Amino acid sequence: MRSLSDLGQNIRQARLARRFTMAELAMRANVSERTLMRLEKGDPGVGIGNLASVLAALGSPAVLADLMSPENDPVGLSRALEAVPKRGRSFKSGKPIQKQNETIELQDASDKKAGARKGISF
């Protein structure tokens, strides 16, 4: 609740800094004066669309999108870094790895068994 009242105070200060009356800002934002008054008091029942309209009328439409953007979210960034694997995965095929010399010897032996066929086999 405190965050909402702080937000409302900030909106009020922004309105006063731009020398808008409540009626002028409400007209620019296409909301009622009552809605603007509730927003400035930190009422949680004010819709997010009304908040976006008031922010746009104050000249800060991107502020709402930046509230929880991933690059501005320290908790989200730390959780994402925790989820990164610490090391690469090792893949084991279950078969022992043969050295190249052993592979050539095995190929020669299989060629002798197959009757020393010539050509390319697939």
PDB file of N, CA and C in Angstrom:
ATOM      1  N   MET A   1       0.820  -1.196   0.000  1.00  0.00           N
ATOM      2  CA  MET A   1       0.000   0.000   0.000  1.00  0.00           C
ATOM      3  C   MET A   1       0.868   1.266   0.000  1.00  0.00           C
ATOM      4  N   ARG A   2       1.998   1.172   0.677  1.00  0.00           N
ATOM      5  CA  ARG A   2       2.871   2.346   0.728  1.00  0.00           C
ATOM      6  C   ARG A   2       3.393   2.707  -0.662  1.00  0.00           C
ATOM      7  N   SER A   3       3.684   1.697  -1.448  1.00  0.00           N
ATOM      8  CA  SER A   3       4.175   1.946  -2.808  1.00  0.00           C
ATOM      9  C   SER A   3       3.129   2.677  -3.640  1.00  0.00           C
ATOM     10  N   LEU A   4       1.867   2.314  -3.453  1.00  0.00           N
ATOM     11  CA  LEU A   4       0.809   2.987  -4.212  1.00  0.00           C
ATOM     12  C   LEU A   4       0.650   4.439  -3.789  1.00  0.00           C
ATOM     13  N   SER A   5       0.758   4.685  -2.487  1.00  0.00           N
ATOM     14  CA  SER A   5       0.653   6.088  -2.047  1.00  0.00           C
ATOM     15  C   SER A   5       1.857   6.893  -2.513  1.00  0.00           C
ATOM     16  N   ASP A   6       3.037   6.272  -2.534  1.00  0.00           N
ATOM     17  CA  ASP A   6       4.232   6.948  -3.072  1.00  0.00           C
ATOM     18  C   ASP A   6       4.055   7.246  -4.561  1.00  0.00           C
ATOM     19  N   LEU A   7       3.496   6.278  -5.292  1.00  0.00           N
ATOM     20  CA  LEU A   7       3.235   6.488  -6.710  1.00  0.00           C
ATOM     21  C   LEU A   7       2.262   7.652  -6.908  1.00  0.00           C
ATOM     22  N   GLY A   8       1.212   7.668  -6.111  1.00  0.00           N
ATOM     23  CA  GLY A   8       0.242   8.754  -6.204  1.00  0.00           C
ATOM     24  C   GLY A   8       0.862  10.114  -5.928  1.00  0.00           C
ATOM     25  N   GLN A   9       1.726  10.179  -4.912  1.00  0.00           N
ATOM     26  CA  GLN A   9       2.408  11.443  -4.594  1.00  0.00           C
ATOM     27  C   GLN A   9       3.322  11.871  -5.742  1.00  0.00           C
ATOM     28  N   ASN A  10       3.992  10.908  -6.334  1.00  0.00           N
ATOM     29  CA  ASN A  10       4.878  11.225  -7.464  1.00  0.00           C
ATOM     30  C   ASN A  10       4.090  11.749  -8.661  1.00  0.00           C
ATOM     31  N   ILE A  11       2.934  11.157  -8.912  1.00  0.00           N
ATOM     32  CA  ILE A  11       2.092  11.636 -10.015  1.00  0.00           C
ATOM     33  C   ILE A  11       1.612  13.052  -9.716  1.00  0.00           C
ATOM     34  N   ARG A  12       1.229  13.301  -8.469  1.00  0.00           N
ATOM     35  CA  ARG A  12       0.774  14.639  -8.087  1.00  0.00           C
ATOM     36  C   ARG A  12       1.897  15.667  -8.272  1.00  0.00           C
ATOM     37  N   GLN A  13       3.109  15.312  -7.835  1.00  0.00           N
ATOM     38  CA  GLN A  13       4.243  16.228  -7.992  1.00  0.00           C
ATOM     39  C   GLN A  13       4.542  16.487  -9.465  1.00  0.00           C
ATOM     40  N   ALA A  14       4.433  15.445 -10.300  1.00  0.00           N
ATOM     41  CA  ALA A  14       4.670  15.616 -11.735  1.00  0.00           C
ATOM     42  C   ALA A  14       3.607  16.531 -12.338  1.00  0.00           C
ATOM     43  N   ARG A  15       2.366  16.377 -11.891  1.00  0.00           N
ATOM     44  CA  ARG A  15       1.288  17.237 -12.387  1.00  0.00           C
ATOM     45  C   ARG A  15       1.543  18.686 -12.003  1.00  0.00           C
ATOM     46  N   LEU A  16       1.912  18.915 -10.747  1.00  0.00           N
ATOM     47  CA  LEU A  16       2.154  20.279 -10.278  1.00  0.00           C
ATOM     48  C   LEU A  16       3.389  20.889 -10.940  1.00  0.00           C
ATOM     49  N   ALA A  17       4.415  20.080 -11.200  1.00  0.00           N
ATOM     50  CA  ALA A  17       5.623  20.578 -11.863  1.00  0.00           C
ATOM     51  C   ALA A  17       5.316  21.032 -13.291  1.00  0.00           C
ATOM     52  N   ARG A  18       4.318  20.424 -13.905  1.00  0.00           N
ATOM     53  CA  ARG A  18       3.925  20.807 -15.262  1.00  0.00           C
ATOM     54  C   ARG A  18       2.841  21.889 -15.256  1.00  0.00           C
ATOM     55  N   ARG A  19       2.463  22.300 -14.055  1.00  0.00           N
ATOM     56  CA  ARG A  19       1.450  23.345 -13.836  1.00  0.00           C
ATOM     57  C   ARG A  19       0.100  22.983 -14.451  1.00  0.00           C
ATOM     58  N   PHE A  20      -0.274  21.696 -14.319  1.00  0.00           N
ATOM     59  CA  PHE A  20      -1.590  21.247 -14.749  1.00  0.00           C
ATOM     60  C   PHE A  20      -2.522  21.254 -13.552  1.00  0.00           C
ATOM     61  N   THR A  21      -3.744  21.699 -13.763  1.00  0.00           N
ATOM     62  CA  THR A  21      -4.767  21.512 -12.734  1.00  0.00           C
ATOM     63  C   THR A  21      -5.274  20.078 -12.858  1.00  0.00           C
ATOM     64  N   MET A  22      -6.018  19.635 -11.860  1.00  0.00           N
ATOM     65  CA  MET A  22      -6.585  18.283 -11.936  1.00  0.00           C
ATOM     66  C   MET A  22      -7.502  18.160 -13.149  1.00  0.00           C
ATOM     67  N   ALA A  23      -8.267  19.203 -13.404  1.00  0.00           N
ATOM     68  CA  ALA A  23      -9.201  19.174 -14.534  1.00  0.00           C
ATOM     69  C   ALA A  23      -8.453  19.084 -15.863  1.00  0.00           C
ATOM     70  N   GLU A  24      -7.348  19.817 -16.000  1.00  0.00           N
ATOM     71  CA  GLU A  24      -6.571  19.786 -17.247  1.00  0.00           C
ATOM     72  C   GLU A  24      -5.954  18.411 -17.483  1.00  0.00           C
ATOM     73  N   LEU A  25      -5.338  17.849 -16.443  1.00  0.00           N
ATOM     74  CA  LEU A  25      -4.703  16.538 -16.609  1.00  0.00           C
ATOM     75  C   LEU A  25      -5.747  15.456 -16.856  1.00  0.00           C
ATOM     76  N   ALA A  26      -6.862  15.540 -16.156  1.00  0.00           N
ATOM     77  CA  ALA A  26      -7.928  14.560 -16.359  1.00  0.00           C
ATOM     78  C   ALA A  26      -8.443  14.625 -17.799  1.00  0.00           C
ATOM     79  N   MET A  27      -8.602  15.833 -18.323  1.00  0.00           N
ATOM     80  CA  MET A  27      -9.071  15.988 -19.700  1.00  0.00           C
ATOM     81  C   MET A  27      -8.032  15.435 -20.682  1.00  0.00           C
ATOM     82  N   ARG A  28      -6.752  15.744 -20.470  1.00  0.00           N
ATOM     83  CA  ARG A  28      -5.686  15.245 -21.362  1.00  0.00           C
ATOM     84  C   ARG A  28      -5.583  13.722 -21.326  1.00  0.00           C
ATOM     85  N   ALA A  29      -5.796  13.135 -20.132  1.00  0.00           N
ATOM     86  CA  ALA A  29      -5.668  11.687 -19.965  1.00  0.00           C
ATOM     87  C   ALA A  29      -6.959  10.947 -20.294  1.00  0.00           C
ATOM     88  N   ASN A  30      -8.037  11.711 -20.524  1.00  0.00           N
ATOM     89  CA  ASN A  30      -9.343  11.122 -20.821  1.00  0.00           C
ATOM     90  C   ASN A  30      -9.848  10.252 -19.665  1.00  0.00           C
ATOM     91  N   VAL A  31      -9.660  10.751 -18.439  1.00  0.00           N
ATOM     92  CA  VAL A  31     -10.192  10.114 -17.237  1.00  0.00           C
ATOM     93  C   VAL A  31     -10.975  11.174 -16.464  1.00  0.00           C
ATOM     94  N   SER A  32     -11.761  10.727 -15.500  1.00  0.00           N
ATOM     95  CA  SER A  32     -12.513  11.698 -14.700  1.00  0.00           C
ATOM     96  C   SER A  32     -11.597  12.310 -13.634  1.00  0.00           C
ATOM     97  N   GLU A  33     -12.005  13.455 -13.135  1.00  0.00           N
ATOM     98  CA  GLU A  33     -11.235  14.085 -12.056  1.00  0.00           C
ATOM     99  C   GLU A  33     -11.232  13.197 -10.820  1.00  0.00           C
ATOM    100  N   ARG A  34     -12.333  12.515 -10.589  1.00  0.00           N
ATOM    101  CA  ARG A  34     -12.433  11.598  -9.440  1.00  0.00           C
ATOM    102  C   ARG A  34     -11.406  10.475  -9.563  1.00  0.00           C
ATOM    103  N   THR A  35     -11.251   9.922 -10.757  1.00  0.00           N
ATOM    104  CA  THR A  35     -10.255   8.867 -10.983  1.00  0.00           C
ATOM    105  C   THR A  35      -8.854   9.396 -10.740  1.00  0.00           C
ATOM    106  N   LEU A  36      -8.567  10.582 -11.225  1.00  0.00           N
ATOM    107  CA  LEU A  36      -7.255  11.184 -11.017  1.00  0.00           C
ATOM    108  C   LEU A  36      -6.998  11.432  -9.531  1.00  0.00           C
ATOM    109  N   MET A  37      -8.031  11.873  -8.821  1.00  0.00           N
ATOM    110  CA  MET A  37      -7.900  12.113  -7.388  1.00  0.00           C
ATOM    111  C   MET A  37      -7.604  10.793  -6.652  1.00  0.00           C
ATOM    112  N   ARG A  38      -8.305   9.731  -7.036  1.00  0.00           N
ATOM    113  CA  ARG A  38      -8.065   8.417  -6.426  1.00  0.00           C
ATOM    114  C   ARG A  38      -6.655   7.928  -6.738  1.00  0.00           C
ATOM    115  N   LEU A  39      -6.210   8.156  -7.954  1.00  0.00           N
ATOM    116  CA  LEU A  39      -4.862   7.747  -8.351  1.00  0.00           C
ATOM    117  C   LEU A  39      -3.804   8.477  -7.533  1.00  0.00           C
ATOM    118  N   GLU A  40      -3.988   9.768  -7.340  1.00  0.00           N
ATOM    119  CA  GLU A  40      -3.023  10.556  -6.569  1.00  0.00           C
ATOM    120  C   GLU A  40      -3.040  10.187  -5.086  1.00  0.00           C
ATOM    121  N   LYS A  41      -4.122   9.616  -4.610  1.00  0.00           N
ATOM    122  CA  LYS A  41      -4.190   9.176  -3.212  1.00  0.00           C
ATOM    123  C   LYS A  41      -3.658   7.759  -3.032  1.00  0.00           C
ATOM    124  N   GLY A  42      -3.396   7.058  -4.127  1.00  0.00           N
ATOM    125  CA  GLY A  42      -2.851   5.709  -4.037  1.00  0.00           C
ATOM    126  C   GLY A  42      -3.909   4.636  -3.919  1.00  0.00           C
ATOM    127  N   ASP A  43      -5.107   4.897  -4.421  1.00  0.00           N
ATOM    128  CA  ASP A  43      -6.204   3.929  -4.375  1.00  0.00           C
ATOM    129  C   ASP A  43      -5.862   2.713  -5.243  1.00  0.00           C
ATOM    130  N   PRO A  44      -5.860   1.489  -4.665  1.00  0.00           N
ATOM    131  CA  PRO A  44      -5.512   0.305  -5.447  1.00  0.00           C
ATOM    132  C   PRO A  44      -6.589  -0.098  -6.455  1.00  0.00           C
ATOM    133  N   GLY A  45      -7.760   0.495  -6.387  1.00  0.00           N
ATOM    134  CA  GLY A  45      -8.836   0.149  -7.296  1.00  0.00           C
ATOM    135  C   GLY A  45      -8.791   0.858  -8.635  1.00  0.00           C
ATOM    136  N   VAL A  46      -7.860   1.761  -8.817  1.00  0.00           N
ATOM    137  CA  VAL A  46      -7.739   2.476 -10.093  1.00  0.00           C
ATOM    138  C   VAL A  46      -7.109   1.524 -11.111  1.00  0.00           C
ATOM    139  N   GLY A  47      -7.724   1.448 -12.272  1.00  0.00           N
ATOM    140  CA  GLY A  47      -7.255   0.523 -13.308  1.00  0.00           C
ATOM    141  C   GLY A  47      -5.911   0.910 -13.892  1.00  0.00           C
ATOM    142  N   ILE A  48      -5.206  -0.100 -14.350  1.00  0.00           N
ATOM    143  CA  ILE A  48      -3.874   0.133 -14.923  1.00  0.00           C
ATOM    144  C   ILE A  48      -3.969   0.930 -16.230  1.00  0.00           C
ATOM    145  N   GLY A  49      -5.085   0.787 -16.937  1.00  0.00           N
ATOM    146  CA  GLY A  49      -5.279   1.573 -18.156  1.00  0.00           C
ATOM    147  C   GLY A  49      -5.379   3.059 -17.852  1.00  0.00           C
ATOM    148  N   ASN A  50      -6.042   3.379 -16.734  1.00  0.00           N
ATOM    149  CA  ASN A  50      -6.131   4.785 -16.323  1.00  0.00           C
ATOM    150  C   ASN A  50      -4.757   5.316 -15.922  1.00  0.00           C
ATOM    151  N   LEU A  51      -3.979   4.494 -15.241  1.00  0.00           N
ATOM    152  CA  LEU A  51      -2.616   4.885 -14.876  1.00  0.00           C
ATOM    153  C   LEU A  51      -1.789   5.152 -16.128  1.00  0.00           C
ATOM    154  N   ALA A  52      -1.906   4.262 -17.116  1.00  0.00           N
ATOM    155  CA  ALA A  52      -1.157   4.438 -18.364  1.00  0.00           C
ATOM    156  C   ALA A  52      -1.571   5.722 -19.079  1.00  0.00           C
ATOM    157  N   SER A  53      -2.865   6.035 -19.059  1.00  0.00           N
ATOM    158  CA  SER A  53      -3.343   7.262 -19.709  1.00  0.00           C
ATOM    159  C   SER A  53      -2.791   8.508 -19.028  1.00  0.00           C
ATOM    160  N   VAL A  54      -2.763   8.490 -17.697  1.00  0.00           N
ATOM    161  CA  VAL A  54      -2.240   9.645 -16.958  1.00  0.00           C
ATOM    162  C   VAL A  54      -0.745   9.798 -17.207  1.00  0.00           C
ATOM    163  N   LEU A  55      -0.011   8.688 -17.196  1.00  0.00           N
ATOM    164  CA  LEU A  55       1.433   8.763 -17.469  1.00  0.00           C
ATOM    165  C   LEU A  55       1.698   9.296 -18.876  1.00  0.00           C
ATOM    166  N   ALA A  56       0.893   8.873 -19.838  1.00  0.00           N
ATOM    167  CA  ALA A  56       1.060   9.370 -21.212  1.00  0.00           C
ATOM    168  C   ALA A  56       0.750  10.862 -21.277  1.00  0.00           C
ATOM    169  N   ALA A  57      -0.276  11.298 -20.560  1.00  0.00           N
ATOM    170  CA  ALA A  57      -0.630  12.720 -20.558  1.00  0.00           C
ATOM    171  C   ALA A  57       0.452  13.559 -19.884  1.00  0.00           C
ATOM    172  N   LEU A  58       1.192  12.943 -18.956  1.00  0.00           N
ATOM    173  CA  LEU A  58       2.296  13.650 -18.296  1.00  0.00           C
ATOM    174  C   LEU A  58       3.567  13.619 -19.142  1.00  0.00           C
ATOM    175  N   GLY A  59       3.538  12.883 -20.246  1.00  0.00           N
ATOM    176  CA  GLY A  59       4.698  12.823 -21.126  1.00  0.00           C
ATOM    177  C   GLY A  59       5.660  11.703 -20.807  1.00  0.00           C
ATOM    178  N   SER A  60       5.208  10.714 -20.049  1.00  0.00           N
ATOM    179  CA  SER A  60       6.081   9.594 -19.674  1.00  0.00           C
ATOM    180  C   SER A  60       5.404   8.255 -19.943  1.00  0.00           C
ATOM    181  N   PRO A  61       5.027   7.973 -21.185  1.00  0.00           N
ATOM    182  CA  PRO A  61       4.307   6.723 -21.440  1.00  0.00           C
ATOM    183  C   PRO A  61       5.152   5.465 -21.270  1.00  0.00           C
ATOM    184  N   ALA A  62       6.455   5.565 -21.442  1.00  0.00           N
ATOM    185  CA  ALA A  62       7.316   4.376 -21.357  1.00  0.00           C
ATOM    186  C   ALA A  62       7.637   3.984 -19.919  1.00  0.00           C
ATOM    187  N   VAL A  63       7.323   4.840 -18.967  1.00  0.00           N
ATOM    188  CA  VAL A  63       7.651   4.560 -17.569  1.00  0.00           C
ATOM    189  C   VAL A  63       6.970   3.288 -17.084  1.00  0.00           C
ATOM    190  N   LEU A  64       5.738   3.067 -17.481  1.00  0.00           N
ATOM    191  CA  LEU A  64       4.992   1.900 -17.041  1.00  0.00           C
ATOM    192  C   LEU A  64       5.637   0.616 -17.560  1.00  0.00           C
ATOM    193  N   ALA A  65       6.086   0.616 -18.781  1.00  0.00           N
ATOM    194  CA  ALA A  65       6.725  -0.566 -19.359  1.00  0.00           C
ATOM    195  C   ALA A  65       8.081  -0.844 -18.721  1.00  0.00           C
ATOM    196  N   ASP A  66       8.754   0.194 -18.245  1.00  0.00           N
ATOM    197  CA  ASP A  66      10.079   0.028 -17.652  1.00  0.00           C
ATOM    198  C   ASP A  66      10.050  -0.417 -16.195  1.00  0.00           C
ATOM    199  N   LEU A  67       8.867  -0.436 -15.593  1.00  0.00           N
ATOM    200  CA  LEU A  67       8.779  -0.771 -14.167  1.00  0.00           C
ATOM    201  C   LEU A  67       9.444  -2.100 -13.849  1.00  0.00           C
ATOM    202  N   MET A  68       9.088  -3.140 -14.561  1.00  0.00           N
ATOM    203  CA  MET A  68       9.640  -4.455 -14.274  1.00  0.00           C
ATOM    204  C   MET A  68      10.324  -5.065 -15.499  1.00  0.00           C
ATOM    205  N   SER A  69      10.974  -4.230 -16.275  1.00  0.00           N
ATOM    206  CA  SER A  69      11.687  -4.759 -17.430  1.00  0.00           C
ATOM    207  C   SER A  69      12.813  -5.660 -16.929  1.00  0.00           C
ATOM    208  N   PRO A  70      13.135  -6.712 -17.661  1.00  0.00           N
ATOM    209  CA  PRO A  70      14.136  -7.677 -17.198  1.00  0.00           C
ATOM    210  C   PRO A  70      15.491  -7.066 -16.851  1.00  0.00           C
ATOM    211  N   GLU A  71      15.922  -6.058 -17.600  1.00  0.00           N
ATOM    212  CA  GLU A  71      17.231  -5.465 -17.312  1.00  0.00           C
ATOM    213  C   GLU A  71      17.225  -4.584 -16.072  1.00  0.00           C
ATOM    214  N   ASN A  72      16.029  -4.205 -15.587  1.00  0.00           N
ATOM    215  CA  ASN A  72      15.928  -3.392 -14.372  1.00  0.00           C
ATOM    216  C   ASN A  72      15.455  -4.208 -13.177  1.00  0.00           C
ATOM    217  N   ASP A  73      15.433  -5.521 -13.287  1.00  0.00           N
ATOM    218  CA  ASP A  73      14.925  -6.398 -12.234  1.00  0.00           C
ATOM    219  C   ASP A  73      16.078  -7.178 -11.603  1.00  0.00           C
ATOM    220  N   PRO A  74      16.650  -6.685 -10.483  1.00  0.00           N
ATOM    221  CA  PRO A  74      17.808  -7.358  -9.902  1.00  0.00           C
ATOM    222  C   PRO A  74      17.492  -8.762  -9.396  1.00  0.00           C
ATOM    223  N   VAL A  75      16.296  -8.986  -8.870  1.00  0.00           N
ATOM    224  CA  VAL A  75      15.944 -10.323  -8.381  1.00  0.00           C
ATOM    225  C   VAL A  75      15.831 -11.287  -9.551  1.00  0.00           C
ATOM    226  N   GLY A  76      15.172 -10.857 -10.619  1.00  0.00           N
ATOM    227  CA  GLY A  76      15.045 -11.710 -11.796  1.00  0.00           C
ATOM    228  C   GLY A  76      16.392 -12.021 -12.421  1.00  0.00           C
ATOM    229  N   LEU A  77      17.278 -11.036 -12.474  1.00  0.00           N
ATOM    230  CA  LEU A  77      18.614 -11.272 -13.028  1.00  0.00           C
ATOM    231  C   LEU A  77      19.408 -12.254 -12.182  1.00  0.00           C
ATOM    232  N   SER A  78      19.333 -12.125 -10.862  1.00  0.00           N
ATOM    233  CA  SER A  78      20.083 -13.047 -10.005  1.00  0.00           C
ATOM    234  C   SER A  78      19.534 -14.458 -10.113  1.00  0.00           C
ATOM    235  N   ARG A  79      18.203 -14.599 -10.232  1.00  0.00           N
ATOM    236  CA  ARG A  79      17.605 -15.930 -10.403  1.00  0.00           C
ATOM    237  C   ARG A  79      18.016 -16.534 -11.745  1.00  0.00           C
ATOM    238  N   ALA A  80      18.073 -15.717 -12.767  1.00  0.00           N
ATOM    239  CA  ALA A  80      18.480 -16.213 -14.082  1.00  0.00           C
ATOM    240  C   ALA A  80      19.934 -16.671 -14.062  1.00  0.00           C
ATOM    241  N   LEU A  81      20.784 -15.947 -13.342  1.00  0.00           N
ATOM    242  CA  LEU A  81      22.186 -16.345 -13.246  1.00  0.00           C
ATOM    243  C   LEU A  81      22.345 -17.630 -12.447  1.00  0.00           C
ATOM    244  N   GLU A  82      21.494 -17.833 -11.448  1.00  0.00           N
ATOM    245  CA  GLU A  82      21.542 -19.071 -10.673  1.00  0.00           C
ATOM    246  C   GLU A  82      21.131 -20.267 -11.524  1.00  0.00           C
ATOM    247  N   ALA A  83      20.264 -20.049 -12.502  1.00  0.00           N
ATOM    248  CA  ALA A  83      19.761 -21.135 -13.339  1.00  0.00           C
ATOM    249  C   ALA A  83      20.749 -21.558 -14.418  1.00  0.00           C
ATOM    250  N   VAL A  84      21.766 -20.747 -14.677  1.00  0.00           N
ATOM    251  CA  VAL A  84      22.770 -21.088 -15.683  1.00  0.00           C
ATOM    252  C   VAL A  84      23.608 -22.241 -15.144  1.00  0.00           C
ATOM    253  N   PRO A  85      23.799 -23.294 -15.939  1.00  0.00           N
ATOM    254  CA  PRO A  85      24.598 -24.420 -15.461  1.00  0.00           C
ATOM    255  C   PRO A  85      26.026 -24.001 -15.145  1.00  0.00           C
ATOM    256  N   LYS A  86      26.564 -24.586 -14.103  1.00  0.00           N
ATOM    257  CA  LYS A  86      27.916 -24.235 -13.669  1.00  0.00           C
ATOM    258  C   LYS A  86      28.979 -24.800 -14.608  1.00  0.00           C
ATOM    259  N   ARG A  87      28.685 -25.920 -15.232  1.00  0.00           N
ATOM    260  CA  ARG A  87      29.636 -26.505 -16.170  1.00  0.00           C
ATOM    261  C   ARG A  87      28.859 -27.191 -17.272  1.00  0.00           C
ATOM    262  N   GLY A  88      29.577 -27.553 -18.311  1.00  0.00           N
ATOM    263  CA  GLY A  88      28.932 -28.209 -19.440  1.00  0.00           C
ATOM    264  C   GLY A  88      28.504 -29.619 -19.098  1.00  0.00           C
ATOM    265  N   ARG A  89      27.608 -30.139 -19.859  1.00  0.00           N
ATOM    266  CA  ARG A  89      27.099 -31.470 -19.651  1.00  0.00           C
ATOM    267  C   ARG A  89      28.022 -32.479 -20.314  1.00  0.00           C
ATOM    268  N   SER A  90      28.259 -33.593 -19.671  1.00  0.00           N
ATOM    269  CA  SER A  90      29.091 -34.624 -20.287  1.00  0.00           C
ATOM    270  C   SER A  90      28.166 -35.674 -20.882  1.00  0.00           C
ATOM    271  N   PHE A  91      28.438 -36.043 -22.101  1.00  0.00           N
ATOM    272  CA  PHE A  91      27.624 -37.031 -22.796  1.00  0.00           C
ATOM    273  C   PHE A  91      28.406 -38.330 -22.842  1.00  0.00           C
ATOM    274  N   LYS A  92      27.804 -39.369 -22.330  1.00  0.00           N
ATOM    275  CA  LYS A  92      28.434 -40.681 -22.351  1.00  0.00           C
ATOM    276  C   LYS A  92      27.582 -41.602 -23.206  1.00  0.00           C
ATOM    277  N   SER A  93      28.194 -42.211 -24.189  1.00  0.00           N
ATOM    278  CA  SER A  93      27.451 -43.092 -25.077  1.00  0.00           C
ATOM    279  C   SER A  93      27.356 -44.499 -24.516  1.00  0.00           C
ATOM    280  N   GLY A  94      28.132 -44.801 -23.519  1.00  0.00           N
ATOM    281  CA  GLY A  94      28.124 -46.147 -22.964  1.00  0.00           C
ATOM    282  C   GLY A  94      29.150 -47.042 -23.636  1.00  0.00           C
ATOM    283  N   LYS A  95      29.671 -46.631 -24.765  1.00  0.00           N
ATOM    284  CA  LYS A  95      30.679 -47.403 -25.480  1.00  0.00           C
ATOM    285  C   LYS A  95      32.046 -46.800 -25.192  1.00  0.00           C
ATOM    286  N   PRO A  96      33.047 -47.631 -25.028  1.00  0.00           N
ATOM    287  CA  PRO A  96      34.386 -47.075 -24.820  1.00  0.00           C
ATOM    288  C   PRO A  96      34.879 -46.389 -26.091  1.00  0.00           C
ATOM    289  N   ILE A  97      35.606 -45.333 -25.910  1.00  0.00           N
ATOM    290  CA  ILE A  97      36.137 -44.570 -27.043  1.00  0.00           C
ATOM    291  C   ILE A  97      37.367 -45.293 -27.568  1.00  0.00           C
ATOM    292  N   GLN A  98      37.388 -45.507 -28.881  1.00  0.00           N
ATOM    293  CA  GLN A  98      38.504 -46.197 -29.502  1.00  0.00           C
ATOM    294  C   GLN A  98      39.479 -45.174 -30.066  1.00  0.00           C
ATOM    295  N   LYS A  99      40.708 -45.507 -29.960  1.00  0.00           N
ATOM    296  CA  LYS A  99      41.720 -44.652 -30.567  1.00  0.00           C
ATOM    297  C   LYS A  99      41.717 -44.875 -32.066  1.00  0.00           C
ATOM    298  N   GLN A 100      42.278 -43.950 -32.814  1.00  0.00           N
ATOM    299  CA  GLN A 100      42.238 -44.020 -34.267  1.00  0.00           C
ATOM    300  C   GLN A 100      42.948 -45.273 -34.781  1.00  0.00           C
ATOM    301  N   ASN A 101      44.073 -45.659 -34.185  1.00  0.00           N
ATOM    302  CA  ASN A 101      44.802 -46.851 -34.632  1.00  0.00           C
ATOM    303  C   ASN A 101      43.950 -48.101 -34.449  1.00  0.00           C
ATOM    304  N   GLU A 102      43.235 -48.185 -33.318  1.00  0.00           N
ATOM    305  CA  GLU A 102      42.372 -49.333 -33.077  1.00  0.00           C
ATOM    306  C   GLU A 102      41.229 -49.365 -34.077  1.00  0.00           C
ATOM    307  N   THR A 103      40.711 -48.209 -34.455  1.00  0.00           N
ATOM    308  CA  THR A 103      39.616 -48.139 -35.410  1.00  0.00           C
ATOM    309  C   THR A 103      40.067 -48.651 -36.766  1.00  0.00           C
ATOM    310  N   ILE A 104      41.272 -48.274 -37.196  1.00  0.00           N
ATOM    311  CA  ILE A 104      41.810 -48.721 -38.481  1.00  0.00           C
ATOM    312  C   ILE A 104      42.006 -50.230 -38.451  1.00  0.00           C
ATOM    313  N   GLU A 105      42.535 -50.747 -37.334  1.00  0.00           N
ATOM    314  CA  GLU A 105      42.736 -52.192 -37.213  1.00  0.00           C
ATOM    315  C   GLU A 105      41.402 -52.926 -37.274  1.00  0.00           C
ATOM    316  N   LEU A 106      40.376 -52.384 -36.628  1.00  0.00           N
ATOM    317  CA  LEU A 106      39.062 -53.017 -36.660  1.00  0.00           C
ATOM    318  C   LEU A 106      38.472 -52.985 -38.061  1.00  0.00           C
ATOM    319  N   GLN A 107      38.707 -51.906 -38.801  1.00  0.00           N
ATOM    320  CA  GLN A 107      38.216 -51.816 -40.177  1.00  0.00           C
ATOM    321  C   GLN A 107      38.924 -52.830 -41.062  1.00  0.00           C
ATOM    322  N   ASP A 108      40.244 -52.972 -40.885  1.00  0.00           N
ATOM    323  CA  ASP A 108      41.006 -53.944 -41.668  1.00  0.00           C
ATOM    324  C   ASP A 108      40.507 -55.356 -41.393  1.00  0.00           C
ATOM    325  N   ALA A 109      40.230 -55.647 -40.139  1.00  0.00           N
ATOM    326  CA  ALA A 109      39.750 -56.974 -39.771  1.00  0.00           C
ATOM    327  C   ALA A 109      38.374 -57.230 -40.367  1.00  0.00           C
ATOM    328  N   SER A 110      37.513 -56.245 -40.365  1.00  0.00           N
ATOM    329  CA  SER A 110      36.175 -56.440 -40.942  1.00  0.00           C
ATOM    330  C   SER A 110      36.254 -56.581 -42.459  1.00  0.00           C
ATOM    331  N   ASP A 111      37.220 -55.906 -43.099  1.00  0.00           N
ATOM    332  CA  ASP A 111      37.409 -56.046 -44.541  1.00  0.00           C
ATOM    333  C   ASP A 111      37.849 -57.469 -44.877  1.00  0.00           C
ATOM    334  N   LYS A 112      38.724 -58.051 -44.072  1.00  0.00           N
ATOM    335  CA  LYS A 112      39.181 -59.416 -44.312  1.00  0.00           C
ATOM    336  C   LYS A 112      38.034 -60.396 -44.160  1.00  0.00           C
ATOM    337  N   LYS A 113      37.161 -60.157 -43.176  1.00  0.00           N
ATOM    338  CA  LYS A 113      36.014 -61.038 -42.965  1.00  0.00           C
ATOM    339  C   LYS A 113      35.022 -60.929 -44.126  1.00  0.00           C
ATOM    340  N   ALA A 114      34.882 -59.775 -44.693  1.00  0.00           N
ATOM    341  CA  ALA A 114      33.923 -59.563 -45.767  1.00  0.00           C
ATOM    342  C   ALA A 114      34.477 -59.972 -47.115  1.00  0.00           C
ATOM    343  N   GLY A 115      35.620 -60.588 -47.125  1.00  0.00           N
ATOM    344  CA  GLY A 115      36.188 -61.043 -48.384  1.00  0.00           C
ATOM    345  C   GLY A 115      36.927 -59.949 -49.108  1.00  0.00           C
ATOM    346  N   ALA A 116      37.399 -58.983 -48.399  1.00  0.00           N
ATOM    347  CA  ALA A 116      38.194 -57.885 -48.935  1.00  0.00           C
ATOM    348  C   ALA A 116      37.489 -57.222 -50.108  1.00  0.00           C
ATOM    349  N   ARG A 117      36.249 -56.871 -49.885  1.00  0.00           N
ATOM    350  CA  ARG A 117      35.504 -56.144 -50.912  1.00  0.00           C
ATOM    351  C   ARG A 117      36.150 -54.794 -51.158  1.00  0.00           C
ATOM    352  N   LYS A 118      36.117 -54.413 -52.387  1.00  0.00           N
ATOM    353  CA  LYS A 118      36.700 -53.123 -52.728  1.00  0.00           C
ATOM    354  C   LYS A 118      35.574 -52.152 -53.026  1.00  0.00           C
ATOM    355  N   GLY A 119      35.858 -50.908 -52.886  1.00  0.00           N
ATOM    356  CA  GLY A 119      34.864 -49.887 -53.161  1.00  0.00           C
ATOM    357  C   GLY A 119      34.422 -49.223 -51.868  1.00  0.00           C
ATOM    358  N   ILE A 120      33.421 -48.432 -52.013  1.00  0.00           N
ATOM    359  CA  ILE A 120      32.931 -47.674 -50.871  1.00  0.00           C
ATOM    360  C   ILE A 120      31.704 -48.382 -50.317  1.00  0.00           C
ATOM    361  N   SER A 121      31.697 -48.564 -49.061  1.00  0.00           N
ATOM    362  CA  SER A 121      30.521 -49.172 -48.419  1.00  0.00           C
ATOM    363  C   SER A 121      29.883 -48.146 -47.492  1.00  0.00           C
ATOM    364  N   PHE A 122      28.609 -48.222 -47.417  1.00  0.00           N
ATOM    365  CA  PHE A 122      27.872 -47.282 -46.581  1.00  0.00           C
ATOM    366  C   PHE A 122      27.248 -47.982 -45.425  1.00  0.00           C
TER     367      PHE A 122
END
